Amino acid sequence: MIKNNCPLHYTLNLIGTKWKPLILFHLLDGPLRSGVLQKKISGVSNKMFTQTVRELEQDGLIARKVFPVVPPKVEYSLTNKGKSLEDILRSMDQWGAAFYED
């Protein structure tokens, strides 16, 4: 395996997919139930949502809490590592707002 010591490469490997930044951004304001979070991400399939939150959890950016109730309740929140991306995510949002064209 080739080791890459570039910090930007590391960051992009963690958050550089289509859905990861969106999920992280929506969790900036606090924990969300799985269904609520998924509804905020228009266009994501159930399979991709599940795969993406699993990867984010595995990378230590989000935490998953399962409540012992019926029907099952799952809630996602940012970890401290995930919260450390706030400035990056908010800057991306502001950049998009400034340059978005219909």
PDB file of N, CA and C in Angstrom:
ATOM      1  N   MET A   1       0.831  -1.175   0.000  1.00  0.00           N
ATOM      2  CA  MET A   1       0.000   0.000   0.000  1.00  0.00           C
ATOM      3  C   MET A   1       0.883   1.249   0.000  1.00  0.00           C
ATOM      4  N   ILE A   2       0.540   2.213  -0.817  1.00  0.00           N
ATOM      5  CA  ILE A   2       1.300   3.448  -0.911  1.00  0.00           C
ATOM      6  C   ILE A   2       0.818   4.410   0.164  1.00  0.00           C
ATOM      7  N   LYS A   3       1.772   4.935   0.905  1.00  0.00           N
ATOM      8  CA  LYS A   3       1.419   5.891   1.950  1.00  0.00           C
ATOM      9  C   LYS A   3       1.557   7.306   1.392  1.00  0.00           C
ATOM     10  N   ASN A   4       0.526   8.113   1.596  1.00  0.00           N
ATOM     11  CA  ASN A   4       0.535   9.493   1.134  1.00  0.00           C
ATOM     12  C   ASN A   4       0.521  10.391   2.357  1.00  0.00           C
ATOM     13  N   ASN A   5       1.535  11.223   2.493  1.00  0.00           N
ATOM     14  CA  ASN A   5       1.661  12.086   3.672  1.00  0.00           C
ATOM     15  C   ASN A   5       1.064  13.476   3.473  1.00  0.00           C
ATOM     16  N   CYS A   6       0.279  13.665   2.430  1.00  0.00           N
ATOM     17  CA  CYS A   6      -0.313  14.965   2.158  1.00  0.00           C
ATOM     18  C   CYS A   6      -1.564  15.161   3.025  1.00  0.00           C
ATOM     19  N   PRO A   7      -1.596  16.208   3.851  1.00  0.00           N
ATOM     20  CA  PRO A   7      -2.768  16.449   4.707  1.00  0.00           C
ATOM     21  C   PRO A   7      -4.065  16.643   3.914  1.00  0.00           C
ATOM     22  N   LEU A   8      -3.992  17.316   2.764  1.00  0.00           N
ATOM     23  CA  LEU A   8      -5.192  17.516   1.951  1.00  0.00           C
ATOM     24  C   LEU A   8      -5.712  16.186   1.426  1.00  0.00           C
ATOM     25  N   HIS A   9      -4.823  15.311   1.024  1.00  0.00           N
ATOM     26  CA  HIS A   9      -5.213  13.978   0.557  1.00  0.00           C
ATOM     27  C   HIS A   9      -5.939  13.221   1.667  1.00  0.00           C
ATOM     28  N   TYR A  10      -5.416  13.308   2.880  1.00  0.00           N
ATOM     29  CA  TYR A  10      -6.048  12.665   4.042  1.00  0.00           C
ATOM     30  C   TYR A  10      -7.458  13.202   4.253  1.00  0.00           C
ATOM     31  N   THR A  11      -7.591  14.527   4.219  1.00  0.00           N
ATOM     32  CA  THR A  11      -8.894  15.165   4.429  1.00  0.00           C
ATOM     33  C   THR A  11      -9.887  14.748   3.358  1.00  0.00           C
ATOM     34  N   LEU A  12      -9.455  14.778   2.099  1.00  0.00           N
ATOM     35  CA  LEU A  12     -10.345  14.403   1.001  1.00  0.00           C
ATOM     36  C   LEU A  12     -10.753  12.933   1.082  1.00  0.00           C
ATOM     37  N   ASN A  13      -9.872  12.089   1.561  1.00  0.00           N
ATOM     38  CA  ASN A  13     -10.249  10.682   1.743  1.00  0.00           C
ATOM     39  C   ASN A  13     -11.354  10.533   2.785  1.00  0.00           C
ATOM     40  N   LEU A  14     -11.375  11.419   3.778  1.00  0.00           N
ATOM     41  CA  LEU A  14     -12.400  11.340   4.832  1.00  0.00           C
ATOM     42  C   LEU A  14     -13.722  11.964   4.407  1.00  0.00           C
ATOM     43  N   ILE A  15     -13.691  13.107   3.707  1.00  0.00           N
ATOM     44  CA  ILE A  15     -14.939  13.836   3.440  1.00  0.00           C
ATOM     45  C   ILE A  15     -15.181  14.116   1.960  1.00  0.00           C
ATOM     46  N   GLY A  16     -14.348  13.574   1.082  1.00  0.00           N
ATOM     47  CA  GLY A  16     -14.411  13.944  -0.330  1.00  0.00           C
ATOM     48  C   GLY A  16     -15.334  13.113  -1.193  1.00  0.00           C
ATOM     49  N   THR A  17     -16.485  12.736  -0.707  1.00  0.00           N
ATOM     50  CA  THR A  17     -17.464  12.052  -1.555  1.00  0.00           C
ATOM     51  C   THR A  17     -18.681  12.967  -1.721  1.00  0.00           C
ATOM     52  N   LYS A  18     -19.609  12.517  -2.511  1.00  0.00           N
ATOM     53  CA  LYS A  18     -20.798  13.329  -2.794  1.00  0.00           C
ATOM     54  C   LYS A  18     -21.641  13.580  -1.543  1.00  0.00           C
ATOM     55  N   TRP A  19     -21.788  12.577  -0.690  1.00  0.00           N
ATOM     56  CA  TRP A  19     -22.759  12.661   0.408  1.00  0.00           C
ATOM     57  C   TRP A  19     -22.158  13.021   1.760  1.00  0.00           C
ATOM     58  N   LYS A  20     -20.900  12.704   1.990  1.00  0.00           N
ATOM     59  CA  LYS A  20     -20.314  12.909   3.319  1.00  0.00           C
ATOM     60  C   LYS A  20     -20.373  14.354   3.801  1.00  0.00           C
ATOM     61  N   PRO A  21     -19.959  15.336   2.991  1.00  0.00           N
ATOM     62  CA  PRO A  21     -20.028  16.710   3.488  1.00  0.00           C
ATOM     63  C   PRO A  21     -21.451  17.153   3.815  1.00  0.00           C
ATOM     64  N   LEU A  22     -22.424  16.672   3.052  1.00  0.00           N
ATOM     65  CA  LEU A  22     -23.818  17.044   3.310  1.00  0.00           C
ATOM     66  C   LEU A  22     -24.306  16.480   4.634  1.00  0.00           C
ATOM     67  N   ILE A  23     -23.986  15.242   4.895  1.00  0.00           N
ATOM     68  CA  ILE A  23     -24.386  14.615   6.161  1.00  0.00           C
ATOM     69  C   ILE A  23     -23.721  15.336   7.332  1.00  0.00           C
ATOM     70  N   LEU A  24     -22.425  15.579   7.211  1.00  0.00           N
ATOM     71  CA  LEU A  24     -21.703  16.270   8.272  1.00  0.00           C
ATOM     72  C   LEU A  24     -22.265  17.672   8.494  1.00  0.00           C
ATOM     73  N   PHE A  25     -22.557  18.387   7.419  1.00  0.00           N
ATOM     74  CA  PHE A  25     -23.078  19.749   7.514  1.00  0.00           C
ATOM     75  C   PHE A  25     -24.407  19.776   8.270  1.00  0.00           C
ATOM     76  N   HIS A  26     -25.290  18.848   7.960  1.00  0.00           N
ATOM     77  CA  HIS A  26     -26.601  18.840   8.619  1.00  0.00           C
ATOM     78  C   HIS A  26     -26.522  18.441  10.090  1.00  0.00           C
ATOM     79  N   LEU A  27     -25.420  17.823  10.483  1.00  0.00           N
ATOM     80  CA  LEU A  27     -25.248  17.456  11.895  1.00  0.00           C
ATOM     81  C   LEU A  27     -24.567  18.559  12.709  1.00  0.00           C
ATOM     82  N   LEU A  28     -24.160  19.645  12.056  1.00  0.00           N
ATOM     83  CA  LEU A  28     -23.493  20.729  12.773  1.00  0.00           C
ATOM     84  C   LEU A  28     -24.376  21.354  13.849  1.00  0.00           C
ATOM     85  N   ASP A  29     -25.680  21.371  13.620  1.00  0.00           N
ATOM     86  CA  ASP A  29     -26.594  21.997  14.575  1.00  0.00           C
ATOM     87  C   ASP A  29     -27.066  21.055  15.675  1.00  0.00           C
ATOM     88  N   GLY A  30     -26.564  19.828  15.662  1.00  0.00           N
ATOM     89  CA  GLY A  30     -26.922  18.893  16.722  1.00  0.00           C
ATOM     90  C   GLY A  30     -27.351  17.548  16.186  1.00  0.00           C
ATOM     91  N   PRO A  31     -27.568  16.589  17.093  1.00  0.00           N
ATOM     92  CA  PRO A  31     -27.941  15.228  16.711  1.00  0.00           C
ATOM     93  C   PRO A  31     -29.264  15.187  15.945  1.00  0.00           C
ATOM     94  N   LEU A  32     -29.347  14.235  15.021  1.00  0.00           N
ATOM     95  CA  LEU A  32     -30.582  14.028  14.258  1.00  0.00           C
ATOM     96  C   LEU A  32     -30.895  12.541  14.173  1.00  0.00           C
ATOM     97  N   ARG A  33     -32.193  12.246  14.194  1.00  0.00           N
ATOM     98  CA  ARG A  33     -32.618  10.872  13.961  1.00  0.00           C
ATOM     99  C   ARG A  33     -32.288  10.499  12.528  1.00  0.00           C
ATOM    100  N   SER A  34     -32.058   9.231  12.330  1.00  0.00           N
ATOM    101  CA  SER A  34     -31.646   8.727  11.023  1.00  0.00           C
ATOM    102  C   SER A  34     -32.586   9.160   9.903  1.00  0.00           C
ATOM    103  N   GLY A  35     -33.886   8.983  10.083  1.00  0.00           N
ATOM    104  CA  GLY A  35     -34.856   9.321   9.048  1.00  0.00           C
ATOM    105  C   GLY A  35     -34.902  10.803   8.745  1.00  0.00           C
ATOM    106  N   VAL A  36     -34.775  11.633   9.771  1.00  0.00           N
ATOM    107  CA  VAL A  36     -34.780  13.090   9.600  1.00  0.00           C
ATOM    108  C   VAL A  36     -33.536  13.522   8.826  1.00  0.00           C
ATOM    109  N   LEU A  37     -32.395  12.968   9.199  1.00  0.00           N
ATOM    110  CA  LEU A  37     -31.146  13.293   8.520  1.00  0.00           C
ATOM    111  C   LEU A  37     -31.200  12.891   7.051  1.00  0.00           C
ATOM    112  N   GLN A  38     -31.695  11.696   6.785  1.00  0.00           N
ATOM    113  CA  GLN A  38     -31.763  11.220   5.398  1.00  0.00           C
ATOM    114  C   GLN A  38     -32.676  12.108   4.552  1.00  0.00           C
ATOM    115  N   LYS A  39     -33.767  12.583   5.119  1.00  0.00           N
ATOM    116  CA  LYS A  39     -34.684  13.451   4.377  1.00  0.00           C
ATOM    117  C   LYS A  39     -34.052  14.795   4.017  1.00  0.00           C
ATOM    118  N   LYS A  40     -33.085  15.241   4.803  1.00  0.00           N
ATOM    119  CA  LYS A  40     -32.410  16.502   4.522  1.00  0.00           C
ATOM    120  C   LYS A  40     -31.440  16.386   3.341  1.00  0.00           C
ATOM    121  N   ILE A  41     -31.089  15.168   2.970  1.00  0.00           N
ATOM    122  CA  ILE A  41     -30.125  14.922   1.892  1.00  0.00           C
ATOM    123  C   ILE A  41     -30.896  14.458   0.660  1.00  0.00           C
ATOM    124  N   SER A  42     -31.367  15.405  -0.137  1.00  0.00           N
ATOM    125  CA  SER A  42     -32.186  15.021  -1.288  1.00  0.00           C
ATOM    126  C   SER A  42     -31.361  14.261  -2.314  1.00  0.00           C
ATOM    127  N   GLY A  43     -31.941  13.175  -2.794  1.00  0.00           N
ATOM    128  CA  GLY A  43     -31.308  12.381  -3.838  1.00  0.00           C
ATOM    129  C   GLY A  43     -30.503  11.185  -3.359  1.00  0.00           C
ATOM    130  N   VAL A  44     -30.282  11.070  -2.068  1.00  0.00           N
ATOM    131  CA  VAL A  44     -29.496   9.936  -1.578  1.00  0.00           C
ATOM    132  C   VAL A  44     -30.411   8.724  -1.399  1.00  0.00           C
ATOM    133  N   SER A  45     -29.953   7.580  -1.883  1.00  0.00           N
ATOM    134  CA  SER A  45     -30.722   6.345  -1.723  1.00  0.00           C
ATOM    135  C   SER A  45     -30.494   5.792  -0.315  1.00  0.00           C
ATOM    136  N   ASN A  46     -31.389   4.895   0.100  1.00  0.00           N
ATOM    137  CA  ASN A  46     -31.228   4.251   1.414  1.00  0.00           C
ATOM    138  C   ASN A  46     -29.879   3.560   1.512  1.00  0.00           C
ATOM    139  N   LYS A  47     -29.508   2.853   0.455  1.00  0.00           N
ATOM    140  CA  LYS A  47     -28.246   2.099   0.443  1.00  0.00           C
ATOM    141  C   LYS A  47     -27.051   3.038   0.594  1.00  0.00           C
ATOM    142  N   MET A  48     -27.026   4.135  -0.161  1.00  0.00           N
ATOM    143  CA  MET A  48     -25.900   5.068  -0.099  1.00  0.00           C
ATOM    144  C   MET A  48     -25.867   5.800   1.246  1.00  0.00           C
ATOM    145  N   PHE A  49     -27.030   6.145   1.773  1.00  0.00           N
ATOM    146  CA  PHE A  49     -27.081   6.808   3.078  1.00  0.00           C
ATOM    147  C   PHE A  49     -26.479   5.893   4.142  1.00  0.00           C
ATOM    148  N   THR A  50     -26.928   4.654   4.157  1.00  0.00           N
ATOM    149  CA  THR A  50     -26.435   3.692   5.153  1.00  0.00           C
ATOM    150  C   THR A  50     -24.936   3.476   5.001  1.00  0.00           C
ATOM    151  N   GLN A  51     -24.478   3.305   3.783  1.00  0.00           N
ATOM    152  CA  GLN A  51     -23.054   3.088   3.523  1.00  0.00           C
ATOM    153  C   GLN A  51     -22.226   4.305   3.970  1.00  0.00           C
ATOM    154  N   THR A  52     -22.732   5.495   3.683  1.00  0.00           N
ATOM    155  CA  THR A  52     -22.002   6.713   4.006  1.00  0.00           C
ATOM    156  C   THR A  52     -21.925   6.954   5.509  1.00  0.00           C
ATOM    157  N   VAL A  53     -23.036   6.789   6.223  1.00  0.00           N
ATOM    158  CA  VAL A  53     -22.980   7.010   7.676  1.00  0.00           C
ATOM    159  C   VAL A  53     -22.104   5.949   8.342  1.00  0.00           C
ATOM    160  N   ARG A  54     -22.077   4.743   7.800  1.00  0.00           N
ATOM    161  CA  ARG A  54     -21.191   3.703   8.352  1.00  0.00           C
ATOM    162  C   ARG A  54     -19.726   4.094   8.177  1.00  0.00           C
ATOM    163  N   GLU A  55     -19.385   4.627   6.991  1.00  0.00           N
ATOM    164  CA  GLU A  55     -18.009   5.064   6.740  1.00  0.00           C
ATOM    165  C   GLU A  55     -17.633   6.227   7.648  1.00  0.00           C
ATOM    166  N   LEU A  56     -18.547   7.191   7.809  1.00  0.00           N
ATOM    167  CA  LEU A  56     -18.277   8.332   8.677  1.00  0.00           C
ATOM    168  C   LEU A  56     -18.101   7.887  10.132  1.00  0.00           C
ATOM    169  N   GLU A  57     -18.885   6.910  10.539  1.00  0.00           N
ATOM    170  CA  GLU A  57     -18.767   6.375  11.897  1.00  0.00           C
ATOM    171  C   GLU A  57     -17.431   5.638  12.052  1.00  0.00           C
ATOM    172  N   GLN A  58     -17.083   4.857  11.051  1.00  0.00           N
ATOM    173  CA  GLN A  58     -15.830   4.102  11.073  1.00  0.00           C
ATOM    174  C   GLN A  58     -14.619   5.038  11.120  1.00  0.00           C
ATOM    175  N   ASP A  59     -14.727   6.194  10.459  1.00  0.00           N
ATOM    176  CA  ASP A  59     -13.636   7.170  10.438  1.00  0.00           C
ATOM    177  C   ASP A  59     -13.628   8.075  11.666  1.00  0.00           C
ATOM    178  N   GLY A  60     -14.588   7.871  12.571  1.00  0.00           N
ATOM    179  CA  GLY A  60     -14.613   8.616  13.814  1.00  0.00           C
ATOM    180  C   GLY A  60     -15.163  10.027  13.697  1.00  0.00           C
ATOM    181  N   LEU A  61     -15.914  10.313  12.620  1.00  0.00           N
ATOM    182  CA  LEU A  61     -16.463  11.650  12.426  1.00  0.00           C
ATOM    183  C   LEU A  61     -17.871  11.801  12.986  1.00  0.00           C
ATOM    184  N   ILE A  62     -18.627  10.717  13.033  1.00  0.00           N
ATOM    185  CA  ILE A  62     -19.968  10.748  13.617  1.00  0.00           C
ATOM    186  C   ILE A  62     -20.125   9.591  14.598  1.00  0.00           C
ATOM    187  N   ALA A  63     -21.072   9.755  15.497  1.00  0.00           N
ATOM    188  CA  ALA A  63     -21.414   8.706  16.463  1.00  0.00           C
ATOM    189  C   ALA A  63     -22.849   8.274  16.201  1.00  0.00           C
ATOM    190  N   ARG A  64     -23.101   7.008  16.378  1.00  0.00           N
ATOM    191  CA  ARG A  64     -24.431   6.424  16.181  1.00  0.00           C
ATOM    192  C   ARG A  64     -24.937   5.937  17.529  1.00  0.00           C
ATOM    193  N   LYS A  65     -26.124   6.389  17.896  1.00  0.00           N
ATOM    194  CA  LYS A  65     -26.729   5.963  19.163  1.00  0.00           C
ATOM    195  C   LYS A  65     -28.047   5.267  18.851  1.00  0.00           C
ATOM    196  N   VAL A  66     -28.191   4.053  19.347  1.00  0.00           N
ATOM    197  CA  VAL A  66     -29.406   3.267  19.145  1.00  0.00           C
ATOM    198  C   VAL A  66     -30.183   3.266  20.456  1.00  0.00           C
ATOM    199  N   PHE A  67     -31.449   3.668  20.373  1.00  0.00           N
ATOM    200  CA  PHE A  67     -32.315   3.689  21.545  1.00  0.00           C
ATOM    201  C   PHE A  67     -33.114   2.385  21.593  1.00  0.00           C
ATOM    202  N   PRO A  68     -33.218   1.755  22.765  1.00  0.00           N
ATOM    203  CA  PRO A  68     -33.916   0.472  22.898  1.00  0.00           C
ATOM    204  C   PRO A  68     -35.439   0.647  22.955  1.00  0.00           C
ATOM    205  N   VAL A  69     -36.004   1.054  21.831  1.00  0.00           N
ATOM    206  CA  VAL A  69     -37.448   1.242  21.742  1.00  0.00           C
ATOM    207  C   VAL A  69     -37.961   0.552  20.483  1.00  0.00           C
ATOM    208  N   VAL A  70     -39.266   0.373  20.434  1.00  0.00           N
ATOM    209  CA  VAL A  70     -39.907  -0.195  19.246  1.00  0.00           C
ATOM    210  C   VAL A  70     -40.884   0.844  18.726  1.00  0.00           C
ATOM    211  N   PRO A  71     -40.787   1.255  17.450  1.00  0.00           N
ATOM    212  CA  PRO A  71     -39.772   0.844  16.475  1.00  0.00           C
ATOM    213  C   PRO A  71     -38.404   1.421  16.833  1.00  0.00           C
ATOM    214  N   PRO A  72     -37.348   0.813  16.287  1.00  0.00           N
ATOM    215  CA  PRO A  72     -35.994   1.253  16.625  1.00  0.00           C
ATOM    216  C   PRO A  72     -35.770   2.728  16.308  1.00  0.00           C
ATOM    217  N   LYS A  73     -35.049   3.396  17.182  1.00  0.00           N
ATOM    218  CA  LYS A  73     -34.703   4.805  16.983  1.00  0.00           C
ATOM    219  C   LYS A  73     -33.181   4.899  16.950  1.00  0.00           C
ATOM    220  N   VAL A  74     -32.663   5.468  15.855  1.00  0.00           N
ATOM    221  CA  VAL A  74     -31.227   5.648  15.701  1.00  0.00           C
ATOM    222  C   VAL A  74     -30.967   7.139  15.525  1.00  0.00           C
ATOM    223  N   GLU A  75     -29.971   7.637  16.224  1.00  0.00           N
ATOM    224  CA  GLU A  75     -29.632   9.055  16.168  1.00  0.00           C
ATOM    225  C   GLU A  75     -28.143   9.196  15.855  1.00  0.00           C
ATOM    226  N   TYR A  76     -27.840  10.163  14.993  1.00  0.00           N
ATOM    227  CA  TYR A  76     -26.449  10.437  14.637  1.00  0.00           C
ATOM    228  C   TYR A  76     -26.045  11.800  15.165  1.00  0.00           C
ATOM    229  N   SER A  77     -24.786  11.909  15.567  1.00  0.00           N
ATOM    230  CA  SER A  77     -24.237  13.179  16.026  1.00  0.00           C
ATOM    231  C   SER A  77     -22.769  13.248  15.615  1.00  0.00           C
ATOM    232  N   LEU A  78     -22.241  14.462  15.619  1.00  0.00           N
ATOM    233  CA  LEU A  78     -20.827  14.638  15.315  1.00  0.00           C
ATOM    234  C   LEU A  78     -19.983  14.301  16.531  1.00  0.00           C
ATOM    235  N   THR A  79     -18.853  13.673  16.291  1.00  0.00           N
ATOM    236  CA  THR A  79     -17.859  13.487  17.344  1.00  0.00           C
ATOM    237  C   THR A  79     -17.029  14.767  17.414  1.00  0.00           C
ATOM    238  N   ASN A  80     -16.102  14.840  18.346  1.00  0.00           N
ATOM    239  CA  ASN A  80     -15.209  16.002  18.405  1.00  0.00           C
ATOM    240  C   ASN A  80     -14.406  16.134  17.114  1.00  0.00           C
ATOM    241  N   LYS A  81     -13.989  15.008  16.570  1.00  0.00           N
ATOM    242  CA  LYS A  81     -13.262  15.026  15.296  1.00  0.00           C
ATOM    243  C   LYS A  81     -14.155  15.575  14.184  1.00  0.00           C
ATOM    244  N   GLY A  82     -15.421  15.176  14.172  1.00  0.00           N
ATOM    245  CA  GLY A  82     -16.371  15.683  13.186  1.00  0.00           C
ATOM    246  C   GLY A  82     -16.645  17.163  13.376  1.00  0.00           C
ATOM    247  N   LYS A  83     -16.778  17.585  14.633  1.00  0.00           N
ATOM    248  CA  LYS A  83     -17.019  19.009  14.933  1.00  0.00           C
ATOM    249  C   LYS A  83     -15.863  19.879  14.488  1.00  0.00           C
ATOM    250  N   SER A  84     -14.662  19.310  14.447  1.00  0.00           N
ATOM    251  CA  SER A  84     -13.489  20.086  14.043  1.00  0.00           C
ATOM    252  C   SER A  84     -13.547  20.481  12.568  1.00  0.00           C
ATOM    253  N   LEU A  85     -14.456  19.903  11.803  1.00  0.00           N
ATOM    254  CA  LEU A  85     -14.637  20.233  10.384  1.00  0.00           C
ATOM    255  C   LEU A  85     -15.623  21.376  10.162  1.00  0.00           C
ATOM    256  N   GLU A  86     -16.159  21.942  11.236  1.00  0.00           N
ATOM    257  CA  GLU A  86     -17.204  22.957  11.095  1.00  0.00           C
ATOM    258  C   GLU A  86     -16.778  24.130  10.219  1.00  0.00           C
ATOM    259  N   ASP A  87     -15.601  24.689  10.458  1.00  0.00           N
ATOM    260  CA  ASP A  87     -15.169  25.840   9.660  1.00  0.00           C
ATOM    261  C   ASP A  87     -15.071  25.490   8.170  1.00  0.00           C
ATOM    262  N   ILE A  88     -14.554  24.319   7.875  1.00  0.00           N
ATOM    263  CA  ILE A  88     -14.432  23.879   6.477  1.00  0.00           C
ATOM    264  C   ILE A  88     -15.813  23.748   5.842  1.00  0.00           C
ATOM    265  N   LEU A  89     -16.727  23.092   6.538  1.00  0.00           N
ATOM    266  CA  LEU A  89     -18.066  22.854   5.991  1.00  0.00           C
ATOM    267  C   LEU A  89     -18.838  24.157   5.819  1.00  0.00           C
ATOM    268  N   ARG A  90     -18.756  25.044   6.793  1.00  0.00           N
ATOM    269  CA  ARG A  90     -19.463  26.325   6.681  1.00  0.00           C
ATOM    270  C   ARG A  90     -18.856  27.180   5.564  1.00  0.00           C
ATOM    271  N   SER A  91     -17.543  27.133   5.399  1.00  0.00           N
ATOM    272  CA  SER A  91     -16.894  27.860   4.304  1.00  0.00           C
ATOM    273  C   SER A  91     -17.345  27.318   2.949  1.00  0.00           C
ATOM    274  N   MET A  92     -17.465  26.023   2.830  1.00  0.00           N
ATOM    275  CA  MET A  92     -17.944  25.419   1.573  1.00  0.00           C
ATOM    276  C   MET A  92     -19.375  25.874   1.286  1.00  0.00           C
ATOM    277  N   ASP A  93     -20.205  25.922   2.327  1.00  0.00           N
ATOM    278  CA  ASP A  93     -21.582  26.369   2.169  1.00  0.00           C
ATOM    279  C   ASP A  93     -21.631  27.835   1.727  1.00  0.00           C
ATOM    280  N   GLN A  94     -20.832  28.670   2.342  1.00  0.00           N
ATOM    281  CA  GLN A  94     -20.794  30.095   1.982  1.00  0.00           C
ATOM    282  C   GLN A  94     -20.271  30.291   0.565  1.00  0.00           C
ATOM    283  N   TRP A  95     -19.259  29.536   0.195  1.00  0.00           N
ATOM    284  CA  TRP A  95     -18.729  29.628  -1.162  1.00  0.00           C
ATOM    285  C   TRP A  95     -19.809  29.241  -2.172  1.00  0.00           C
ATOM    286  N   GLY A  96     -20.521  28.159  -1.895  1.00  0.00           N
ATOM    287  CA  GLY A  96     -21.602  27.720  -2.779  1.00  0.00           C
ATOM    288  C   GLY A  96     -22.698  28.758  -2.900  1.00  0.00           C
ATOM    289  N   ALA A  97     -23.041  29.391  -1.783  1.00  0.00           N
ATOM    290  CA  ALA A  97     -24.082  30.430  -1.806  1.00  0.00           C
ATOM    291  C   ALA A  97     -23.631  31.628  -2.640  1.00  0.00           C
ATOM    292  N   ALA A  98     -22.341  31.956  -2.592  1.00  0.00           N
ATOM    293  CA  ALA A  98     -21.838  33.119  -3.337  1.00  0.00           C
ATOM    294  C   ALA A  98     -21.737  32.869  -4.833  1.00  0.00           C
ATOM    295  N   PHE A  99     -21.463  31.631  -5.228  1.00  0.00           N
ATOM    296  CA  PHE A  99     -21.204  31.356  -6.628  1.00  0.00           C
ATOM    297  C   PHE A  99     -22.240  30.473  -7.307  1.00  0.00           C
ATOM    298  N   TYR A 100     -23.285  30.075  -6.576  1.00  0.00           N
ATOM    299  CA  TYR A 100     -24.318  29.221  -7.148  1.00  0.00           C
ATOM    300  C   TYR A 100     -25.062  29.962  -8.257  1.00  0.00           C
ATOM    301  N   GLU A 101     -25.231  29.269  -9.366  1.00  0.00           N
ATOM    302  CA  GLU A 101     -25.990  29.828 -10.496  1.00  0.00           C
ATOM    303  C   GLU A 101     -27.056  28.816 -10.896  1.00  0.00           C
ATOM    304  N   ASP A 102     -28.281  29.310 -11.130  1.00  0.00           N
ATOM    305  CA  ASP A 102     -29.372  28.431 -11.576  1.00  0.00           C
ATOM    306  C   ASP A 102     -29.156  27.999 -13.008  1.00  0.00           C
TER     307      ASP A 102
END
